[in-house]
Protein backbone atom coordinates (compact mmCIF):
# COMPACT_ATOMS: atom_id res chain seq x y z
CA MET A 1 149.56 141.12 75.64
CA ALA A 2 146.96 143.63 74.52
CA ILE A 3 147.80 143.62 70.80
CA ILE A 4 147.18 140.37 68.92
CA VAL A 5 148.78 139.83 65.51
CA ASN A 6 146.50 137.85 63.19
CA LEU A 7 148.93 137.75 60.27
CA ASP A 8 148.90 133.95 60.17
CA VAL A 9 145.09 133.97 59.85
CA VAL A 10 145.14 136.44 56.96
CA LEU A 11 147.96 134.51 55.26
CA ALA A 12 145.93 131.28 55.56
CA GLN A 13 142.84 133.00 54.13
CA ARG A 14 144.90 134.19 51.15
CA LYS A 15 146.64 130.79 50.84
CA MET A 16 150.01 132.56 50.98
CA LYS A 17 153.20 131.49 52.71
CA VAL A 18 155.34 133.73 54.90
CA LYS A 19 158.23 133.27 52.48
CA ASP A 20 156.15 134.52 49.53
CA LEU A 21 154.90 137.56 51.45
CA ALA A 22 158.42 138.38 52.64
CA GLU A 23 159.70 138.33 49.05
CA GLU A 24 156.83 140.47 47.81
CA ILE A 25 157.25 143.20 50.43
CA GLY A 26 161.06 143.10 50.66
CA LEU A 27 161.28 141.99 54.29
CA SER A 28 163.31 139.09 55.64
CA VAL A 29 161.45 135.91 56.55
CA VAL A 30 162.94 136.14 60.05
CA ASN A 31 161.58 139.66 60.66
CA LEU A 32 158.19 138.75 59.25
CA SER A 33 158.07 135.64 61.44
CA ILE A 34 158.89 137.76 64.51
CA LEU A 35 155.92 139.96 63.67
CA LYS A 36 153.69 136.95 62.98
CA GLN A 37 154.53 135.44 66.38
CA SER A 38 153.66 138.71 68.18
CA LYS A 39 157.27 139.10 69.35
CA ALA A 40 157.88 142.40 67.55
CA LYS A 41 158.13 145.50 69.73
CA ALA A 42 157.12 147.85 66.91
CA VAL A 43 155.90 147.89 63.32
CA ARG A 44 156.73 150.61 60.84
CA PHE A 45 153.80 152.09 59.00
CA THR A 46 155.60 151.45 55.71
CA THR A 47 155.84 147.75 56.59
CA LEU A 48 152.19 147.62 57.64
CA GLU A 49 151.21 149.39 54.43
CA ALA A 50 153.22 146.94 52.31
CA ILE A 51 151.64 143.95 54.09
CA CYS A 52 148.14 145.36 53.63
CA LYS A 53 148.78 146.08 49.96
CA ALA A 54 150.19 142.59 49.31
CA LEU A 55 147.37 140.84 51.19
CA ASP A 56 144.61 143.24 50.06
CA CYS A 57 143.47 143.83 53.63
CA GLN A 58 143.11 146.52 56.28
CA PRO A 59 145.44 147.01 59.29
CA GLY A 60 142.56 145.91 61.53
CA ASP A 61 142.56 142.53 59.79
CA ILE A 62 146.14 141.99 60.97
CA LEU A 63 146.24 143.79 64.33
CA GLU A 64 143.64 143.39 67.07
CA TYR A 65 143.41 145.13 70.43
CA VAL A 66 142.33 142.96 73.35
CA PRO A 67 142.21 144.65 76.77
CA ASP A 68 144.27 142.99 79.49
CA GLN A 69 142.25 141.04 82.02
CA ILE A 70 142.41 142.54 85.51
CA GLU A 71 142.58 139.80 88.10
CA GLU A 72 140.70 140.40 91.30
């Protein structure tokens, strides 16, 4: 996968639990966990904005692009 979700890293740095973040941004723990595990197909900008506001971070702190390796 080319997009890596580093939400768990940022949560650990802020010493915050998924449950607490979910309550603060108004998202279910299940949906936030799906995002955290990189299983989400899409992320709404409003959700990303709420996460960044709650964690005092930038979108680039949460999402990282890693090019796919081409096997020869």
